[in-house]
């Protein structure tokens, strides 16, 4: 897998996770811990994307 293909896959995962976080935040009774974990994963993906782009 090329670096650009890997970056594209990471960006897709980041976008999917972003949509899931939005959905969960709008949903009543959502566990704040779960949302926090998803946000941390999003941040890790974003950092990895930036690292690979540089």
C-alpha atoms as a PDB file:
ATOM      1  CA  UNK A   1       0.000   0.000   0.000  1.00  0.00           C
ATOM      2  CA  UNK A   2       1.402   3.380  -0.978  1.00  0.00           C
ATOM      3  CA  UNK A   3       1.604   6.221   1.493  1.00  0.00           C
ATOM      4  CA  UNK A   4      -1.074   8.212  -0.334  1.00  0.00           C
ATOM      5  CA  UNK A   5      -3.441   5.223  -0.312  1.00  0.00           C
ATOM      6  CA  UNK A   6      -2.801   4.750   3.406  1.00  0.00           C
ATOM      7  CA  UNK A   7      -3.507   8.446   4.041  1.00  0.00           C
ATOM      8  CA  UNK A   8      -6.747   8.152   2.071  1.00  0.00           C
ATOM      9  CA  UNK A   9      -7.846   5.172   4.162  1.00  0.00           C
ATOM     10  CA  UNK A  10      -7.018   7.017   7.385  1.00  0.00           C
ATOM     11  CA  UNK A  11      -8.998  10.029   6.184  1.00  0.00           C
ATOM     12  CA  UNK A  12     -12.004   7.797   5.486  1.00  0.00           C
ATOM     13  CA  UNK A  13     -11.785   6.289   8.970  1.00  0.00           C
ATOM     14  CA  UNK A  14     -11.475   9.774  10.477  1.00  0.00           C
ATOM     15  CA  UNK A  15     -14.568  10.987   8.612  1.00  0.00           C
ATOM     16  CA  UNK A  16     -16.595   7.922   9.610  1.00  0.00           C
ATOM     17  CA  UNK A  17     -15.584   8.362  13.235  1.00  0.00           C
ATOM     18  CA  UNK A  18     -16.457  12.054  13.054  1.00  0.00           C
ATOM     19  CA  UNK A  19     -19.945  11.227  11.826  1.00  0.00           C
ATOM     20  CA  UNK A  20     -20.367   8.619  14.546  1.00  0.00           C
ATOM     21  CA  UNK A  21     -19.316  11.103  17.242  1.00  0.00           C
ATOM     22  CA  UNK A  22     -21.868  13.634  15.948  1.00  0.00           C
ATOM     23  CA  UNK A  23     -24.591  10.995  15.939  1.00  0.00           C
ATOM     24  CA  UNK A  24     -23.752   9.843  19.463  1.00  0.00           C
ATOM     25  CA  UNK A  25     -23.653  13.403  20.799  1.00  0.00           C
ATOM     26  CA  UNK A  26     -27.166  14.005  19.504  1.00  0.00           C
ATOM     27  CA  UNK A  27     -28.434  10.744  20.945  1.00  0.00           C
ATOM     28  CA  UNK A  28     -29.920  10.945  24.458  1.00  0.00           C
ATOM     29  CA  UNK A  29     -28.294   8.874  27.140  1.00  0.00           C
ATOM     30  CA  UNK A  30     -24.984   8.464  25.353  1.00  0.00           C
ATOM     31  CA  UNK A  31     -22.049   7.554  27.512  1.00  0.00           C
ATOM     32  CA  UNK A  32     -19.593  10.482  27.739  1.00  0.00           C
ATOM     33  CA  UNK A  33     -16.695   8.055  28.169  1.00  0.00           C
ATOM     34  CA  UNK A  34     -17.495   6.436  24.815  1.00  0.00           C
ATOM     35  CA  UNK A  35     -17.574   9.808  23.078  1.00  0.00           C
ATOM     36  CA  UNK A  36     -14.283  10.775  24.698  1.00  0.00           C
ATOM     37  CA  UNK A  37     -12.659   7.537  23.499  1.00  0.00           C
ATOM     38  CA  UNK A  38     -13.916   8.137  19.954  1.00  0.00           C
ATOM     39  CA  UNK A  39     -12.560  11.692  20.009  1.00  0.00           C
ATOM     40  CA  UNK A  40      -9.167  10.424  21.172  1.00  0.00           C
ATOM     41  CA  UNK A  41      -9.130   7.920  18.323  1.00  0.00           C
ATOM     42  CA  UNK A  42     -10.026  10.713  15.882  1.00  0.00           C
ATOM     43  CA  UNK A  43      -7.109  12.756  17.181  1.00  0.00           C
ATOM     44  CA  UNK A  44      -4.715   9.820  16.767  1.00  0.00           C
ATOM     45  CA  UNK A  45      -5.891   9.368  13.179  1.00  0.00           C
ATOM     46  CA  UNK A  46      -5.492  13.079  12.470  1.00  0.00           C
ATOM     47  CA  UNK A  47      -1.967  13.084  13.901  1.00  0.00           C
ATOM     48  CA  UNK A  48      -1.037  10.009  11.855  1.00  0.00           C
ATOM     49  CA  UNK A  49      -2.408  11.632   8.681  1.00  0.00           C
ATOM     50  CA  UNK A  50      -0.375  14.774   9.338  1.00  0.00           C
ATOM     51  CA  UNK A  51       2.758  12.756  10.080  1.00  0.00           C
ATOM     52  CA  UNK A  52       2.442  10.825   6.813  1.00  0.00           C
ATOM     53  CA  UNK A  53       1.779  13.965   4.775  1.00  0.00           C
ATOM     54  CA  UNK A  54       4.968  15.572   6.062  1.00  0.00           C
END
